Amino acid sequence: MKVTRINTPFPAVSIDDFIPSKALVRAAAQSFELVEEEDWVKYAADKGQVQYCSKGRDTTPPAALSVMDYIATHFDPNIVFEGLTDKAFPDMSHYGGGMMITPNSNNEGGFLGMHIDADVHAKNPSWKREYSAILCLSEEYDESFDLLVHDGKSSHNRIPYKFNRLNVFKCSKNSWHGLPEISKGMDRKTLGVMYWSVMGEEEKASARLKAEFNKNLDFS
């Protein structure tokens, strides 16, 4: 597996061919069609994004679940990021991650506004978000699928999308990320596994409870 790391604007790694079986990755991508309409959480443009997300482990098809569990059991950010953290752990319920699709195959206008995620896990309020690990599932993609990243000041970069590539970045108060509208006629599919740590009392006092969006970041 080829591993690429960037440190600007914040630490991130990309691991090519992460899942040994490409066939399983294809099965996971195909399983998006098996999710019932009522089992998607659908975000509209007034929420800063046009994106659909799964509700959790119970409504996730077996192929997608197998891939996410493989990520959680075979990727340790404490090692890969060389001591940046030492006690981060994956959420095996896949709440807040899971199946994610940015749709534009039928002119839905899929995009993800530049944002930073909530620090706090909605169901485990003592957990602090440490890393987002995102596996790219779509075999048909272009540069519009690349994740834009920004430090909220002047530094920015992009994390390229590629089938069966695991993109992971360190979450912080400055880890702004998102993507403009993807190309029409295409759907951007990903699977996300979130990594957390247990917060101390001081961290709880300043933790961000909701995602924040920013439309004014400069990419020039």
C-alpha atoms as a PDB file:
ATOM      1  CA  MET A   1       0.000   0.000   0.000  1.00  0.00           C
ATOM      2  CA  LYS A   2       1.263   3.450  -0.928  1.00  0.00           C
ATOM      3  CA  VAL A   3       1.024   5.949   1.939  1.00  0.00           C
ATOM      4  CA  THR A   4       1.161   9.699   1.287  1.00  0.00           C
ATOM      5  CA  ARG A   5       1.220  12.260   4.096  1.00  0.00           C
ATOM      6  CA  ILE A   6       0.678  15.992   4.146  1.00  0.00           C
ATOM      7  CA  ASN A   7       1.125  18.300   7.130  1.00  0.00           C
ATOM      8  CA  THR A   8      -0.270  21.467   5.564  1.00  0.00           C
ATOM      9  CA  PRO A   9      -2.753  22.838   6.426  1.00  0.00           C
ATOM     10  CA  PHE A  10      -3.097  20.011   8.976  1.00  0.00           C
ATOM     11  CA  PRO A  11      -1.922  16.377   9.222  1.00  0.00           C
ATOM     12  CA  ALA A  12      -3.541  13.939   6.788  1.00  0.00           C
ATOM     13  CA  VAL A  13      -2.608  10.635   5.165  1.00  0.00           C
ATOM     14  CA  SER A  14      -3.818   8.826   2.061  1.00  0.00           C
ATOM     15  CA  ILE A  15      -3.424   5.042   1.780  1.00  0.00           C
ATOM     16  CA  ASP A  16      -3.962   3.530  -1.659  1.00  0.00           C
ATOM     17  CA  ASP A  17      -5.568   0.095  -2.145  1.00  0.00           C
ATOM     18  CA  PHE A  18      -6.470  -0.056   1.528  1.00  0.00           C
ATOM     19  CA  ILE A  19      -8.989  -2.907   1.295  1.00  0.00           C
ATOM     20  CA  PRO A  20      -7.237  -6.059  -0.047  1.00  0.00           C
ATOM     21  CA  SER A  21     -10.299  -7.103  -2.062  1.00  0.00           C
ATOM     22  CA  LYS A  22     -11.433  -4.559  -4.654  1.00  0.00           C
ATOM     23  CA  ALA A  23     -14.449  -6.799  -5.201  1.00  0.00           C
ATOM     24  CA  LEU A  24     -15.561  -6.141  -1.618  1.00  0.00           C
ATOM     25  CA  VAL A  25     -15.188  -2.393  -2.145  1.00  0.00           C
ATOM     26  CA  ARG A  26     -17.390  -2.669  -5.246  1.00  0.00           C
ATOM     27  CA  ALA A  27     -19.943  -4.647  -3.246  1.00  0.00           C
ATOM     28  CA  ALA A  28     -19.949  -1.919  -0.604  1.00  0.00           C
ATOM     29  CA  ALA A  29     -20.513   0.744  -3.268  1.00  0.00           C
ATOM     30  CA  GLN A  30     -23.343  -1.274  -4.788  1.00  0.00           C
ATOM     31  CA  SER A  31     -24.957  -1.756  -1.369  1.00  0.00           C
ATOM     32  CA  PHE A  32     -25.894   1.935  -1.273  1.00  0.00           C
ATOM     33  CA  GLU A  33     -28.770   0.937  -3.548  1.00  0.00           C
ATOM     34  CA  LEU A  34     -30.072  -1.397  -0.826  1.00  0.00           C
ATOM     35  CA  VAL A  35     -30.616   1.295   1.797  1.00  0.00           C
ATOM     36  CA  GLU A  36     -34.291   2.171   2.188  1.00  0.00           C
ATOM     37  CA  GLU A  37     -35.261   5.787   1.533  1.00  0.00           C
ATOM     38  CA  GLU A  38     -36.311   6.326   5.153  1.00  0.00           C
ATOM     39  CA  ASP A  39     -32.943   5.067   6.398  1.00  0.00           C
ATOM     40  CA  TRP A  40     -31.000   8.000   4.931  1.00  0.00           C
ATOM     41  CA  VAL A  41     -30.456  11.254   6.784  1.00  0.00           C
ATOM     42  CA  LYS A  42     -30.796  13.795   3.967  1.00  0.00           C
ATOM     43  CA  TYR A  43     -29.204  17.223   4.280  1.00  0.00           C
ATOM     44  CA  ALA A  44     -30.415  20.039   2.028  1.00  0.00           C
ATOM     45  CA  ALA A  45     -28.593  23.156   0.852  1.00  0.00           C
ATOM     46  CA  ASP A  46     -29.985  25.261   3.709  1.00  0.00           C
ATOM     47  CA  LYS A  47     -27.946  23.025   6.053  1.00  0.00           C
ATOM     48  CA  GLY A  48     -24.705  23.858   4.233  1.00  0.00           C
ATOM     49  CA  GLN A  49     -24.588  20.665   2.192  1.00  0.00           C
ATOM     50  CA  VAL A  50     -26.486  18.402  -0.170  1.00  0.00           C
ATOM     51  CA  GLN A  51     -25.516  14.985   1.130  1.00  0.00           C
ATOM     52  CA  TYR A  52     -27.099  11.758   2.390  1.00  0.00           C
ATOM     53  CA  CYS A  53     -25.760   9.827   5.384  1.00  0.00           C
ATOM     54  CA  SER A  54     -26.682   6.477   6.906  1.00  0.00           C
ATOM     55  CA  LYS A  55     -28.246   6.359  10.354  1.00  0.00           C
ATOM     56  CA  GLY A  56     -25.930   3.795  11.916  1.00  0.00           C
ATOM     57  CA  ARG A  57     -24.933   0.191  12.117  1.00  0.00           C
ATOM     58  CA  ASP A  58     -28.447  -1.285  12.224  1.00  0.00           C
ATOM     59  CA  THR A  59     -29.427   0.016   8.784  1.00  0.00           C
ATOM     60  CA  THR A  60     -26.087  -0.554   7.059  1.00  0.00           C
ATOM     61  CA  PRO A  61     -25.961  -3.382   4.471  1.00  0.00           C
ATOM     62  CA  PRO A  62     -23.487  -6.234   5.194  1.00  0.00           C
ATOM     63  CA  ALA A  63     -20.934  -5.356   2.492  1.00  0.00           C
ATOM     64  CA  ALA A  64     -20.570  -1.740   3.644  1.00  0.00           C
ATOM     65  CA  LEU A  65     -20.474  -2.851   7.275  1.00  0.00           C
ATOM     66  CA  SER A  66     -17.721  -5.376   6.518  1.00  0.00           C
ATOM     67  CA  VAL A  67     -15.583  -2.671   4.906  1.00  0.00           C
ATOM     68  CA  MET A  68     -16.055  -0.220   7.778  1.00  0.00           C
ATOM     69  CA  ASP A  69     -15.264  -2.876  10.349  1.00  0.00           C
ATOM     70  CA  TYR A  70     -12.120  -3.743   8.382  1.00  0.00           C
ATOM     71  CA  ILE A  71     -11.026  -0.099   8.535  1.00  0.00           C
ATOM     72  CA  ALA A  72     -11.706   0.077  12.276  1.00  0.00           C
ATOM     73  CA  THR A  73      -9.739  -3.122  12.980  1.00  0.00           C
ATOM     74  CA  HIS A  74      -6.815  -2.512  10.593  1.00  0.00           C
ATOM     75  CA  PHE A  75      -6.148   1.223  10.823  1.00  0.00           C
ATOM     76  CA  ASP A  76      -4.603   2.703  13.972  1.00  0.00           C
ATOM     77  CA  PRO A  77      -4.033   6.466  13.668  1.00  0.00           C
ATOM     78  CA  ASN A  78      -1.967   6.488  16.844  1.00  0.00           C
ATOM     79  CA  ILE A  79       0.681   4.541  14.923  1.00  0.00           C
ATOM     80  CA  VAL A  80       0.253   5.976  11.429  1.00  0.00           C
ATOM     81  CA  PHE A  81       0.412   9.574  12.658  1.00  0.00           C
ATOM     82  CA  GLU A  82       3.561   8.806  14.662  1.00  0.00           C
ATOM     83  CA  GLY A  83       2.508   9.691  18.180  1.00  0.00           C
ATOM     84  CA  LEU A  84       0.216  12.627  17.375  1.00  0.00           C
ATOM     85  CA  THR A  85      -2.200  10.830  19.706  1.00  0.00           C
ATOM     86  CA  ASP A  86      -1.839   7.659  21.755  1.00  0.00           C
ATOM     87  CA  LYS A  87      -5.341   6.743  22.933  1.00  0.00           C
ATOM     88  CA  ALA A  88      -7.655   7.366  19.959  1.00  0.00           C
ATOM     89  CA  PHE A  89     -10.149   4.593  19.198  1.00  0.00           C
ATOM     90  CA  PRO A  90     -12.765   3.881  16.481  1.00  0.00           C
ATOM     91  CA  ASP A  91     -16.492   4.130  17.016  1.00  0.00           C
ATOM     92  CA  MET A  92     -17.735   0.690  15.978  1.00  0.00           C
ATOM     93  CA  SER A  93     -21.339   1.885  15.912  1.00  0.00           C
ATOM     94  CA  HIS A  94     -20.324   4.091  12.961  1.00  0.00           C
ATOM     95  CA  TYR A  95     -22.593   6.830  14.260  1.00  0.00           C
ATOM     96  CA  GLY A  96     -21.757  10.150  12.619  1.00  0.00           C
ATOM     97  CA  GLY A  97     -19.763   8.394   9.914  1.00  0.00           C
ATOM     98  CA  GLY A  98     -20.915   5.376   7.975  1.00  0.00           C
ATOM     99  CA  MET A  99     -22.302   5.523   4.447  1.00  0.00           C
ATOM    100  CA  MET A 100     -22.129   8.952   2.835  1.00  0.00           C
ATOM    101  CA  ILE A 101     -23.191   9.975  -0.642  1.00  0.00           C
ATOM    102  CA  THR A 102     -22.883  13.381  -2.286  1.00  0.00           C
ATOM    103  CA  PRO A 103     -25.451  13.079  -5.076  1.00  0.00           C
ATOM    104  CA  ASN A 104     -25.544  14.745  -8.473  1.00  0.00           C
ATOM    105  CA  SER A 105     -26.494  11.920 -10.832  1.00  0.00           C
ATOM    106  CA  ASN A 106     -29.962  13.459 -11.137  1.00  0.00           C
ATOM    107  CA  ASN A 107     -28.988  17.125 -10.746  1.00  0.00           C
ATOM    108  CA  GLU A 108     -29.362  17.082  -6.956  1.00  0.00           C
ATOM    109  CA  GLY A 109     -26.448  19.536  -6.765  1.00  0.00           C
ATOM    110  CA  GLY A 110     -24.418  17.563  -4.229  1.00  0.00           C
ATOM    111  CA  PHE A 111     -21.810  19.540  -2.297  1.00  0.00           C
ATOM    112  CA  LEU A 112     -20.339  19.798   1.189  1.00  0.00           C
ATOM    113  CA  GLY A 113     -19.798  23.282   2.553  1.00  0.00           C
ATOM    114  CA  MET A 114     -16.482  24.080   4.201  1.00  0.00           C
ATOM    115  CA  HIS A 115     -16.889  23.161   7.856  1.00  0.00           C
ATOM    116  CA  ILE A 116     -15.374  21.805  11.024  1.00  0.00           C
ATOM    117  CA  ASP A 117     -17.169  18.917  12.703  1.00  0.00           C
ATOM    118  CA  ALA A 118     -18.546  18.841  16.213  1.00  0.00           C
ATOM    119  CA  ASP A 119     -15.998  17.801  18.829  1.00  0.00           C
ATOM    120  CA  VAL A 120     -18.474  15.804  20.893  1.00  0.00           C
ATOM    121  CA  HIS A 121     -20.034  12.443  20.046  1.00  0.00           C
ATOM    122  CA  ALA A 122     -23.834  12.849  20.161  1.00  0.00           C
ATOM    123  CA  LYS A 123     -24.418   9.558  21.984  1.00  0.00           C
ATOM    124  CA  ASN A 124     -21.239   9.441  24.079  1.00  0.00           C
ATOM    125  CA  PRO A 125     -20.740  13.026  25.309  1.00  0.00           C
ATOM    126  CA  SER A 126     -17.429  12.268  26.983  1.00  0.00           C
ATOM    127  CA  TRP A 127     -15.844  11.366  23.607  1.00  0.00           C
ATOM    128  CA  LYS A 128     -13.813  13.894  21.611  1.00  0.00           C
ATOM    129  CA  ARG A 129     -13.410  13.581  17.826  1.00  0.00           C
ATOM    130  CA  GLU A 130      -9.766  12.954  16.870  1.00  0.00           C
ATOM    131  CA  TYR A 131      -9.672  11.647  13.266  1.00  0.00           C
ATOM    132  CA  SER A 132     -11.929  11.177  10.257  1.00  0.00           C
ATOM    133  CA  ALA A 133     -11.069   8.134   8.132  1.00  0.00           C
ATOM    134  CA  ILE A 134     -12.869   8.136   4.779  1.00  0.00           C
ATOM    135  CA  LEU A 135     -12.701   5.342   2.179  1.00  0.00           C
ATOM    136  CA  CYS A 136     -13.396   6.343  -1.442  1.00  0.00           C
ATOM    137  CA  LEU A 137     -15.879   3.956  -3.107  1.00  0.00           C
ATOM    138  CA  SER A 138     -16.803   5.396  -6.500  1.00  0.00           C
ATOM    139  CA  GLU A 139     -14.889   3.944  -9.453  1.00  0.00           C
ATOM    140  CA  GLU A 140     -16.136   6.772 -11.664  1.00  0.00           C
ATOM    141  CA  TYR A 141     -14.816  10.060 -10.298  1.00  0.00           C
ATOM    142  CA  ASP A 142     -13.025  13.258 -11.245  1.00  0.00           C
ATOM    143  CA  GLU A 143     -11.263  16.160  -9.514  1.00  0.00           C
ATOM    144  CA  SER A 144     -14.569  17.547  -8.260  1.00  0.00           C
ATOM    145  CA  PHE A 145     -14.557  14.642  -5.770  1.00  0.00           C
ATOM    146  CA  ASP A 146     -11.312  15.855  -4.131  1.00  0.00           C
ATOM    147  CA  LEU A 147     -11.639  17.112  -0.559  1.00  0.00           C
ATOM    148  CA  LEU A 148     -10.575  20.722  -0.033  1.00  0.00           C
ATOM    149  CA  VAL A 149      -8.856  21.426   3.283  1.00  0.00           C
ATOM    150  CA  HIS A 150      -8.065  24.767   4.930  1.00  0.00           C
ATOM    151  CA  ASP A 151      -6.678  25.994   8.255  1.00  0.00           C
ATOM    152  CA  GLY A 152      -9.124  28.893   8.506  1.00  0.00           C
ATOM    153  CA  LYS A 153      -6.376  31.437   7.822  1.00  0.00           C
ATOM    154  CA  SER A 154      -4.350  31.297   4.608  1.00  0.00           C
ATOM    155  CA  SER A 155      -3.060  27.736   4.239  1.00  0.00           C
ATOM    156  CA  HIS A 156      -5.015  25.255   2.130  1.00  0.00           C
ATOM    157  CA  ASN A 157      -4.609  22.054   0.125  1.00  0.00           C
ATOM    158  CA  ARG A 158      -6.633  19.260  -1.469  1.00  0.00           C
ATOM    159  CA  ILE A 159      -6.856  15.558  -0.693  1.00  0.00           C
ATOM    160  CA  PRO A 160      -7.419  13.658  -3.953  1.00  0.00           C
ATOM    161  CA  TYR A 161     -10.201  11.104  -4.250  1.00  0.00           C
ATOM    162  CA  LYS A 162      -9.376   7.666  -5.680  1.00  0.00           C
ATOM    163  CA  PHE A 163     -11.209   4.341  -5.647  1.00  0.00           C
ATOM    164  CA  ASN A 164     -10.187   2.228  -2.608  1.00  0.00           C
ATOM    165  CA  ARG A 165      -8.069   5.018  -1.131  1.00  0.00           C
ATOM    166  CA  LEU A 166      -8.375   5.681   2.603  1.00  0.00           C
ATOM    167  CA  ASN A 167      -8.064   9.398   3.363  1.00  0.00           C
ATOM    168  CA  VAL A 168      -7.584  10.287   7.030  1.00  0.00           C
ATOM    169  CA  PHE A 169      -7.138  13.691   8.619  1.00  0.00           C
ATOM    170  CA  LYS A 170      -6.591  14.997  12.150  1.00  0.00           C
ATOM    171  CA  CYS A 171      -9.615  16.858  13.474  1.00  0.00           C
ATOM    172  CA  SER A 172      -9.176  20.149  15.312  1.00  0.00           C
ATOM    173  CA  LYS A 173     -10.680  23.614  15.617  1.00  0.00           C
ATOM    174  CA  ASN A 174      -8.849  24.511  12.388  1.00  0.00           C
ATOM    175  CA  SER A 175      -9.511  21.413  10.253  1.00  0.00           C
ATOM    176  CA  TRP A 176     -11.879  23.040   7.761  1.00  0.00           C
ATOM    177  CA  HIS A 177     -12.890  20.705   4.930  1.00  0.00           C
ATOM    178  CA  GLY A 178     -15.493  20.351   2.213  1.00  0.00           C
ATOM    179  CA  LEU A 179     -16.090  20.182  -1.530  1.00  0.00           C
ATOM    180  CA  PRO A 180     -17.902  22.364  -4.074  1.00  0.00           C
ATOM    181  CA  GLU A 181     -20.666  20.910  -6.206  1.00  0.00           C
ATOM    182  CA  ILE A 182     -19.469  17.683  -7.813  1.00  0.00           C
ATOM    183  CA  SER A 183     -19.782  17.074 -11.541  1.00  0.00           C
ATOM    184  CA  LYS A 184     -23.293  16.604 -12.825  1.00  0.00           C
ATOM    185  CA  GLY A 185     -24.297  13.037 -13.614  1.00  0.00           C
ATOM    186  CA  MET A 186     -22.095  11.599 -10.842  1.00  0.00           C
ATOM    187  CA  ASP A 187     -22.466  10.427  -7.233  1.00  0.00           C
ATOM    188  CA  ARG A 188     -19.597  10.616  -4.738  1.00  0.00           C
ATOM    189  CA  LYS A 189     -19.752   7.605  -2.402  1.00  0.00           C
ATOM    190  CA  THR A 190     -17.642   7.155   0.723  1.00  0.00           C
ATOM    191  CA  LEU A 191     -17.542   5.158   3.941  1.00  0.00           C
ATOM    192  CA  GLY A 192     -16.456   6.942   7.099  1.00  0.00           C
ATOM    193  CA  VAL A 193     -15.019   5.651  10.372  1.00  0.00           C
ATOM    194  CA  MET A 194     -14.551   8.229  13.114  1.00  0.00           C
ATOM    195  CA  TYR A 195     -11.885   7.968  15.803  1.00  0.00           C
ATOM    196  CA  TRP A 196     -12.327   9.415  19.279  1.00  0.00           C
ATOM    197  CA  SER A 197     -10.655   9.879  22.661  1.00  0.00           C
ATOM    198  CA  VAL A 198     -12.010  10.381  26.172  1.00  0.00           C
ATOM    199  CA  MET A 199     -12.184  14.035  27.158  1.00  0.00           C
ATOM    200  CA  GLY A 200     -10.976  15.550  30.374  1.00  0.00           C
ATOM    201  CA  GLU A 201     -13.111  18.082  32.242  1.00  0.00           C
ATOM    202  CA  GLU A 202     -11.262  21.092  30.780  1.00  0.00           C
ATOM    203  CA  GLU A 203     -11.780  19.796  27.241  1.00  0.00           C
ATOM    204  CA  LYS A 204     -15.496  19.284  27.882  1.00  0.00           C
ATOM    205  CA  ALA A 205     -15.879  22.925  28.892  1.00  0.00           C
ATOM    206  CA  SER A 206     -14.622  24.210  25.540  1.00  0.00           C
ATOM    207  CA  ALA A 207     -15.810  21.400  23.250  1.00  0.00           C
ATOM    208  CA  ARG A 208     -17.770  22.299  20.116  1.00  0.00           C
ATOM    209  CA  LEU A 209     -21.211  20.671  20.209  1.00  0.00           C
ATOM    210  CA  LYS A 210     -22.212  21.308  16.595  1.00  0.00           C
ATOM    211  CA  ALA A 211     -20.519  21.546  13.222  1.00  0.00           C
ATOM    212  CA  GLU A 212     -19.617  25.051  12.070  1.00  0.00           C
ATOM    213  CA  PHE A 213     -19.677  26.212   8.432  1.00  0.00           C
ATOM    214  CA  ASN A 214     -17.620  28.971   6.806  1.00  0.00           C
ATOM    215  CA  LYS A 215     -18.338  30.413   3.353  1.00  0.00           C
ATOM    216  CA  ASN A 216     -15.553  33.016   3.508  1.00  0.00           C
ATOM    217  CA  LEU A 217     -12.363  30.947   3.269  1.00  0.00           C
ATOM    218  CA  ASP A 218      -9.848  32.199   0.709  1.00  0.00           C
ATOM    219  CA  PHE A 219      -8.399  29.578  -1.695  1.00  0.00           C
ATOM    220  CA  SER A 220      -6.452  32.010  -3.889  1.00  0.00           C
END
